N, C-alpha and C. Protein backbone atom coordinates (compact mmCIF):
# COMPACT_ATOMS: atom_id res chain seq x y z
N MET A 1 16.24 -4.71 0.50
CA MET A 1 14.84 -3.90 0.07
C MET A 1 14.85 -3.59 -1.08
N GLN A 2 13.95 -3.48 -1.57
CA GLN A 2 12.94 -3.30 -2.97
C GLN A 2 12.93 -1.81 -2.59
N MET A 3 13.65 -0.58 -4.10
CA MET A 3 13.24 0.46 -3.93
C MET A 3 12.52 0.91 -5.04
N SER A 4 12.22 0.38 -5.40
CA SER A 4 11.20 0.83 -6.98
C SER A 4 10.14 0.12 -6.54
N PHE A 5 8.94 -0.01 -7.34
CA PHE A 5 7.42 -0.75 -7.46
C PHE A 5 7.76 -2.20 -8.06
N TYR A 6 7.64 -2.67 -7.72
CA TYR A 6 7.33 -4.41 -8.13
C TYR A 6 5.88 -5.24 -7.67
N PHE A 7 5.56 -6.05 -8.91
CA PHE A 7 4.86 -6.90 -8.72
C PHE A 7 5.49 -8.35 -7.96
N SER A 8 4.65 -8.67 -7.01
CA SER A 8 5.01 -9.86 -6.31
C SER A 8 4.12 -10.52 -4.71
N ASP A 9 3.81 -11.52 -4.95
CA ASP A 9 2.80 -12.16 -3.92
C ASP A 9 3.65 -12.35 -2.28
N THR A 10 5.24 -12.00 -2.13
CA THR A 10 5.95 -12.04 -0.96
C THR A 10 6.09 -10.69 -0.60
N VAL A 11 6.24 -10.15 0.37
CA VAL A 11 6.14 -8.97 0.97
C VAL A 11 5.68 -8.95 2.70
N VAL A 12 6.99 -8.36 3.29
CA VAL A 12 6.54 -8.02 4.72
C VAL A 12 5.85 -6.28 5.14
N LEU A 13 5.14 -6.71 5.64
CA LEU A 13 4.02 -5.26 6.16
C LEU A 13 4.08 -5.18 7.19
N LEU A 14 4.75 -3.08 7.57
CA LEU A 14 4.47 -2.73 8.84
C LEU A 14 5.24 -3.52 9.70
N PHE A 15 4.64 -4.96 10.16
CA PHE A 15 5.62 -5.85 11.62
C PHE A 15 6.21 -6.96 10.84
N ASP A 16 6.90 -7.63 11.49
CA ASP A 16 7.50 -8.88 11.19
C ASP A 16 6.70 -9.76 11.18
N PHE A 17 5.58 -9.75 12.27
CA PHE A 17 4.22 -10.80 12.07
C PHE A 17 3.49 -11.08 10.62
N TRP A 18 3.49 -9.54 9.82
CA TRP A 18 3.10 -9.84 8.87
C TRP A 18 3.49 -9.90 7.51
N SER A 19 3.89 -11.27 7.09
CA SER A 19 4.48 -11.62 6.26
C SER A 19 3.86 -12.84 5.52
N VAL A 20 4.01 -11.76 3.87
CA VAL A 20 3.21 -12.66 3.19
C VAL A 20 4.10 -13.45 2.05
N HIS A 21 3.95 -14.37 2.01
CA HIS A 21 4.16 -15.81 0.92
C HIS A 21 3.38 -15.97 0.33
N THR A 22 2.00 -15.77 0.34
CA THR A 22 1.36 -16.70 -1.07
C THR A 22 0.37 -15.47 -1.20
N PRO A 23 0.03 -16.03 -2.96
CA PRO A 23 -1.02 -15.35 -3.22
C PRO A 23 -2.27 -14.44 -2.77
N THR A 24 -2.63 -15.65 -1.73
CA THR A 24 -4.17 -15.70 -0.86
C THR A 24 -3.76 -14.70 0.11
N GLY A 25 -2.55 -15.00 0.76
CA GLY A 25 -2.02 -13.62 1.27
C GLY A 25 -2.10 -12.79 1.26
N MET A 26 -1.22 -12.43 -0.13
CA MET A 26 -1.42 -11.00 -0.31
C MET A 26 -2.83 -9.82 -0.64
N ALA A 27 -3.79 -11.01 -1.45
CA ALA A 27 -4.75 -10.65 -1.86
C ALA A 27 -5.85 -9.90 -0.84
N LEU A 28 -5.28 -10.86 0.99
CA LEU A 28 -6.30 -10.50 1.67
C LEU A 28 -5.14 -9.16 2.37
N SER A 29 -4.01 -9.05 2.10
CA SER A 29 -3.03 -7.78 2.81
C SER A 29 -3.72 -6.84 1.78
N VAL A 30 -4.16 -6.76 0.51
CA VAL A 30 -4.68 -6.11 -0.33
C VAL A 30 -5.82 -5.76 0.42
N LEU A 31 -6.73 -6.04 0.39
CA LEU A 31 -7.65 -6.29 1.49
C LEU A 31 -7.99 -4.99 2.25
N LEU A 32 -6.76 -5.66 3.32
CA LEU A 32 -7.03 -4.54 4.42
C LEU A 32 -6.84 -3.15 3.95
N ILE A 33 -5.59 -3.33 3.58
CA ILE A 33 -5.22 -1.93 2.86
C ILE A 33 -5.97 -1.35 2.52
N LEU A 34 -7.04 -1.81 1.69
CA LEU A 34 -8.08 -1.08 1.25
C LEU A 34 -9.14 -0.63 1.63
N LEU A 35 -9.07 -1.33 2.85
CA LEU A 35 -10.02 -0.94 4.19
C LEU A 35 -10.19 -0.09 5.17
N LEU A 36 -8.23 0.17 5.13
CA LEU A 36 -7.75 0.97 5.76
C LEU A 36 -8.00 2.54 5.30
N SER A 37 -7.78 2.47 4.22
CA SER A 37 -8.22 3.58 3.20
C SER A 37 -9.21 3.84 3.06
N MET A 38 -10.08 3.34 3.01
CA MET A 38 -11.35 3.82 2.85
C MET A 38 -11.91 4.14 4.62
N LEU A 39 -11.49 3.63 5.50
CA LEU A 39 -11.67 3.78 7.22
C LEU A 39 -11.03 5.46 6.91
N TYR A 40 -9.72 5.76 6.62
CA TYR A 40 -9.16 7.09 6.61
C TYR A 40 -10.25 7.58 6.12
N GLU A 41 -10.50 7.94 5.11
CA GLU A 41 -11.67 8.82 4.38
C GLU A 41 -12.58 8.94 4.81
N ALA A 42 -13.39 8.04 5.74
CA ALA A 42 -14.61 8.26 5.91
C ALA A 42 -14.73 9.05 7.73
N ILE A 43 -13.20 8.41 8.19
CA ILE A 43 -12.90 9.55 9.30
C ILE A 43 -12.58 10.87 8.91
N LYS A 44 -11.81 11.19 7.93
CA LYS A 44 -11.92 12.41 7.42
C LYS A 44 -13.37 13.35 7.60
N MET A 45 -14.15 12.39 6.73
CA MET A 45 -15.61 12.53 6.55
C MET A 45 -16.16 13.12 7.68
N GLY A 46 -15.92 12.11 9.18
CA GLY A 46 -16.55 12.21 10.25
C GLY A 46 -16.39 13.41 11.07
N LYS A 47 -15.09 13.90 10.68
CA LYS A 47 -14.47 15.04 11.49
C LYS A 47 -15.24 16.00 10.98
N ALA A 48 -14.89 16.36 9.78
CA ALA A 48 -15.84 17.81 8.90
C ALA A 48 -17.44 17.60 9.57
N THR A 49 -17.97 16.35 9.64
CA THR A 49 -19.44 16.42 9.95
C THR A 49 -19.19 16.96 11.69
N LEU A 50 -18.45 16.51 12.15
CA LEU A 50 -18.47 16.99 13.77
C LEU A 50 -18.15 18.38 13.90
N LEU A 51 -17.19 18.66 13.13
CA LEU A 51 -17.06 20.39 13.16
C LEU A 51 -18.18 21.22 13.02
N ARG A 52 -18.68 20.78 11.84
CA ARG A 52 -19.88 21.44 11.25
C ARG A 52 -21.41 21.49 12.20
N ARG A 53 -21.71 20.42 13.04
CA ARG A 53 -22.20 20.11 13.82
C ARG A 53 -21.63 21.45 15.62
N ALA A 54 -20.57 21.38 15.55
CA ALA A 54 -20.15 21.99 16.67
C ALA A 54 -20.13 23.50 16.31
N LEU A 55 -20.07 24.12 14.81
CA LEU A 55 -20.09 25.15 14.82
C LEU A 55 -21.63 25.61 14.94
N LEU A 56 -22.59 24.56 14.38
CA LEU A 56 -23.76 25.03 14.45
C LEU A 56 -24.45 25.11 16.01
N ALA A 57 -23.55 24.50 17.18
CA ALA A 57 -23.59 24.43 18.33
C ALA A 57 -23.71 25.76 18.90
N LEU A 58 -22.63 26.58 18.92
CA LEU A 58 -22.11 28.26 18.89
C LEU A 58 -23.34 29.22 18.93
N PRO A 59 -23.32 30.04 19.83
CA PRO A 59 -24.65 30.68 19.00
C PRO A 59 -24.28 31.81 18.04
N ARG A 60 -24.83 32.28 17.46
CA ARG A 60 -25.02 32.93 15.97
C ARG A 60 -24.16 33.95 16.49
N SER A 61 -24.53 34.60 17.13
CA SER A 61 -23.82 36.37 17.32
C SER A 61 -23.55 37.06 18.97
N HIS A 62 -22.95 37.24 18.94
CA HIS A 62 -22.59 37.80 20.69
C HIS A 62 -24.06 39.06 20.43
N SER A 63 -23.75 39.43 19.10
CA SER A 63 -24.74 40.89 19.32
C SER A 63 -26.07 40.65 20.41
N GLN A 64 -26.66 38.94 20.05
CA GLN A 64 -27.58 38.87 20.31
C GLN A 64 -27.78 38.78 22.15
N ASP A 65 -27.22 38.90 22.42
CA ASP A 65 -27.03 38.36 24.08
C ASP A 65 -27.51 39.63 24.38
N PRO A 66 -28.71 39.63 25.60
CA PRO A 66 -28.93 40.58 26.19
C PRO A 66 -27.98 41.42 26.96
N LEU A 67 -27.98 43.57 27.10
CA LEU A 67 -27.22 43.44 27.58
C LEU A 67 -27.47 43.60 28.91
N GLY A 68 -26.09 43.79 30.08
CA GLY A 68 -26.61 44.10 31.22
C GLY A 68 -25.70 42.11 31.66
N GLU A 69 -25.64 42.47 33.12
CA GLU A 69 -25.33 40.67 33.54
C GLU A 69 -26.02 39.86 33.42
N PRO A 70 -25.49 38.52 33.18
CA PRO A 70 -26.33 37.79 33.10
C PRO A 70 -27.05 37.31 33.98
N GLU A 71 -28.19 36.47 34.14
CA GLU A 71 -29.08 36.09 35.62
C GLU A 71 -28.33 35.16 36.08
N GLU A 72 -28.87 34.66 37.63
CA GLU A 72 -28.25 33.87 38.07
C GLU A 72 -28.81 31.54 37.33
N GLY A 73 -29.62 32.12 37.00
CA GLY A 73 -30.29 30.88 36.09
C GLY A 73 -29.77 30.33 34.57
N ASP A 74 -29.16 31.76 34.58
CA ASP A 74 -28.84 31.69 32.94
C ASP A 74 -27.36 31.02 32.54
N THR A 75 -27.39 29.38 32.15
CA THR A 75 -26.48 28.28 32.10
C THR A 75 -26.18 28.36 30.26
N SER A 76 -27.23 29.20 29.29
CA SER A 76 -26.79 28.98 28.17
C SER A 76 -25.16 29.04 27.69
N THR A 77 -24.89 29.81 28.36
CA THR A 77 -23.30 30.23 28.02
C THR A 77 -22.06 29.30 28.31
N SER A 78 -22.29 28.58 29.99
CA SER A 78 -21.41 27.60 30.23
C SER A 78 -22.31 26.11 29.01
N THR A 79 -23.47 26.35 29.03
CA THR A 79 -23.84 24.77 28.32
C THR A 79 -22.95 24.71 26.89
N THR A 80 -23.05 26.27 26.42
CA THR A 80 -22.30 25.71 24.88
C THR A 80 -20.64 25.69 24.81
N GLN A 81 -20.37 26.74 25.53
CA GLN A 81 -18.61 25.82 25.98
C GLN A 81 -18.58 24.62 26.35
N GLY A 82 -19.33 23.70 27.10
CA GLY A 82 -19.65 22.64 27.79
C GLY A 82 -19.19 21.54 26.39
N ARG A 83 -20.13 22.16 25.75
CA ARG A 83 -20.81 21.12 24.46
C ARG A 83 -19.42 21.39 23.41
N TRP A 84 -19.10 22.57 23.09
CA TRP A 84 -17.93 22.97 22.27
C TRP A 84 -16.40 22.06 22.63
N PHE A 85 -16.55 21.97 24.40
CA PHE A 85 -15.24 21.04 24.41
C PHE A 85 -15.68 20.03 24.35
N TRP A 86 -16.40 19.05 24.25
CA TRP A 86 -16.55 17.80 23.85
C TRP A 86 -16.87 17.54 22.44
N TYR A 87 -17.22 18.32 21.65
CA TYR A 87 -16.90 17.98 20.48
C TYR A 87 -15.67 18.23 19.79
N HIS A 88 -15.25 19.57 20.88
CA HIS A 88 -13.45 19.63 20.64
C HIS A 88 -12.43 18.10 20.77
N ILE A 89 -12.77 17.71 22.00
CA ILE A 89 -12.61 16.16 22.54
C ILE A 89 -12.97 15.07 21.14
N GLY A 90 -14.27 14.81 20.92
CA GLY A 90 -14.08 14.18 19.61
C GLY A 90 -13.13 14.35 18.25
N GLN A 91 -13.08 15.52 18.26
CA GLN A 91 -12.29 15.83 17.24
C GLN A 91 -10.74 15.53 16.95
N THR A 92 -10.14 15.92 18.41
CA THR A 92 -8.78 15.50 18.73
C THR A 92 -8.91 14.09 18.51
N LEU A 93 -9.80 13.28 19.00
CA LEU A 93 -9.86 11.79 19.31
C LEU A 93 -9.52 11.26 17.92
N LEU A 94 -10.67 11.71 16.93
CA LEU A 94 -10.68 11.57 15.35
C LEU A 94 -9.53 11.90 14.84
N HIS A 95 -8.75 12.77 14.99
CA HIS A 95 -7.85 13.04 14.16
C HIS A 95 -6.75 12.36 14.73
N VAL A 96 -6.51 11.83 16.44
CA VAL A 96 -5.25 10.87 16.17
C VAL A 96 -5.54 9.70 16.00
N VAL A 97 -6.56 8.91 15.38
CA VAL A 97 -7.34 7.84 14.27
C VAL A 97 -6.63 8.24 13.49
N GLN A 98 -6.97 9.22 12.54
CA GLN A 98 -6.83 9.31 11.39
C GLN A 98 -5.37 9.43 11.15
N VAL A 99 -4.43 10.25 11.50
CA VAL A 99 -3.17 10.28 12.20
C VAL A 99 -2.49 8.90 11.68
N VAL A 100 -2.94 7.99 12.69
CA VAL A 100 -2.25 6.83 13.09
C VAL A 100 -2.66 6.16 11.77
N LEU A 101 -3.94 5.86 10.75
CA LEU A 101 -4.28 5.16 9.76
C LEU A 101 -3.66 5.26 8.90
N GLY A 102 -3.56 6.92 8.49
CA GLY A 102 -2.49 7.49 7.77
C GLY A 102 -1.20 6.93 7.64
N TYR A 103 -0.56 6.96 8.61
CA TYR A 103 1.25 6.84 8.62
C TYR A 103 1.08 5.17 8.38
N MET A 104 0.07 3.97 8.88
CA MET A 104 0.02 2.80 8.47
C MET A 104 -0.01 2.72 6.86
N VAL A 105 -0.96 2.90 6.28
CA VAL A 105 -1.28 2.79 5.17
C VAL A 105 -0.10 3.39 4.48
N MET A 106 0.54 4.68 4.81
CA MET A 106 1.93 5.41 3.97
C MET A 106 2.92 4.44 4.05
N LEU A 107 3.29 3.52 5.55
CA LEU A 107 4.34 2.72 5.63
C LEU A 107 4.31 1.55 4.81
N ALA A 108 2.79 1.16 4.59
CA ALA A 108 2.38 0.09 3.71
C ALA A 108 2.73 0.12 2.37
N VAL A 109 2.62 1.40 1.90
CA VAL A 109 2.62 1.65 0.20
C VAL A 109 4.36 1.91 0.45
N MET A 110 5.30 2.13 1.45
CA MET A 110 6.60 2.36 1.03
C MET A 110 6.98 0.81 0.84
N SER A 111 6.44 -0.03 1.04
CA SER A 111 7.00 -1.83 0.90
C SER A 111 7.33 -1.61 -0.60
N TYR A 112 7.13 -0.65 -1.89
CA TYR A 112 7.65 -0.60 -2.84
C TYR A 112 5.90 -1.70 -3.35
N ASN A 113 5.22 -2.49 -2.59
CA ASN A 113 4.67 -3.51 -3.14
C ASN A 113 3.89 -3.06 -4.39
N ALA A 114 3.78 -3.18 -5.56
CA ALA A 114 2.57 -2.35 -6.54
C ALA A 114 1.19 -2.69 -5.90
N TRP A 115 0.52 -4.31 -5.53
CA TRP A 115 -0.15 -4.47 -5.47
C TRP A 115 -0.87 -3.62 -4.17
N ILE A 116 -0.62 -3.51 -2.93
CA ILE A 116 -0.34 -3.08 -1.54
C ILE A 116 -0.77 -1.63 -2.26
N PHE A 117 0.19 -0.80 -2.95
CA PHE A 117 0.11 0.32 -3.73
C PHE A 117 -1.69 0.87 -4.42
N LEU A 118 -1.65 -0.51 -5.54
CA LEU A 118 -3.23 -0.40 -6.03
C LEU A 118 -4.32 -0.33 -5.20
N GLY A 119 -3.71 -1.35 -3.98
CA GLY A 119 -5.04 -1.35 -2.75
C GLY A 119 -5.47 0.14 -2.21
N ALA A 120 -3.78 0.51 -1.71
CA ALA A 120 -4.48 1.43 -1.05
C ALA A 120 -5.11 3.03 -1.55
N ILE A 121 -4.59 2.94 -3.22
CA ILE A 121 -5.16 3.93 -4.19
C ILE A 121 -6.99 3.70 -4.23
N VAL A 122 -7.21 2.63 -4.62
CA VAL A 122 -8.51 2.09 -5.01
C VAL A 122 -9.32 2.10 -3.58
N GLY A 123 -8.52 1.88 -2.29
CA GLY A 123 -9.61 2.56 -1.38
C GLY A 123 -9.74 3.41 -0.71
N SER A 124 -8.44 4.56 -0.88
CA SER A 124 -8.74 5.52 -0.97
C SER A 124 -9.70 6.10 -2.09
N THR A 125 -10.03 5.61 -3.17
CA THR A 125 -10.84 6.40 -4.36
C THR A 125 -12.41 5.95 -3.96
N LEU A 126 -12.23 4.49 -3.69
CA LEU A 126 -14.11 3.96 -2.84
C LEU A 126 -14.41 4.82 -1.81
N GLY A 127 -13.03 5.17 -0.55
CA GLY A 127 -13.61 5.48 0.40
C GLY A 127 -14.01 6.81 0.15
N TYR A 128 -13.21 7.70 -0.92
CA TYR A 128 -13.97 9.12 -1.29
C TYR A 128 -15.25 8.74 -1.94
N PHE A 129 -15.49 8.26 -2.79
CA PHE A 129 -16.38 8.31 -3.55
C PHE A 129 -18.19 7.78 -3.18
N LEU A 130 -17.93 6.84 -2.01
CA LEU A 130 -18.91 6.47 -1.43
C LEU A 130 -19.63 7.50 0.30
N VAL A 131 -18.30 8.15 0.72
CA VAL A 131 -18.41 8.86 1.53
C VAL A 131 -18.74 10.18 1.48
N TYR A 132 -18.16 10.84 0.98
CA TYR A 132 -18.25 12.09 0.32
C TYR A 132 -19.58 12.55 0.30
N PRO A 133 -20.48 11.80 -0.69
CA PRO A 133 -21.79 12.48 -0.68
C PRO A 133 -22.81 12.55 0.55
N LEU A 134 -22.23 12.02 1.43
CA LEU A 134 -23.55 11.82 2.49
C LEU A 134 -22.69 13.17 3.60
N LEU A 135 -21.91 13.95 3.68
CA LEU A 135 -21.35 14.95 4.02
C LEU A 135 -22.56 16.48 3.68
N GLY A 136 -23.02 15.84 2.75
CA GLY A 136 -23.79 17.22 2.15
C GLY A 136 -25.41 16.67 2.94
N ARG A 137 -25.50 16.35 3.18
CA ARG A 137 -26.59 15.57 3.90
C ARG A 137 -26.68 16.04 5.34
N GLY A 138 -27.68 16.07 6.38
CA GLY A 138 -28.02 16.27 7.33
C GLY A 138 -27.84 18.19 7.66
């Protein structure tokens, strides 16, 4: 196993069946790693957006709550807690996908193939450049 970066069109990535032996195969593998890196950045942005929406769904202050016992028909607290729970479930699922993608890209880079490494770096850069301006919207 190679323990320093090298340029080659021959590499085995992640699984035995993902064995690359041609320049075309390497180009497609680099493109796939690039897209996975971009998806990783998009999921990070999605998590941030989901968290912002969840925080906006919470009541602004408990000091604005009426004093005394809640009325029987008042379901705003349980609705808010239910909504927060589903945002938390969404955040958790996105986190799992993000971790899996991150480890897959990391293990691909650990093949020490310089083309794969460059694909991961370019994908992360493009993903950040294209996706993070969307975070400021909405």
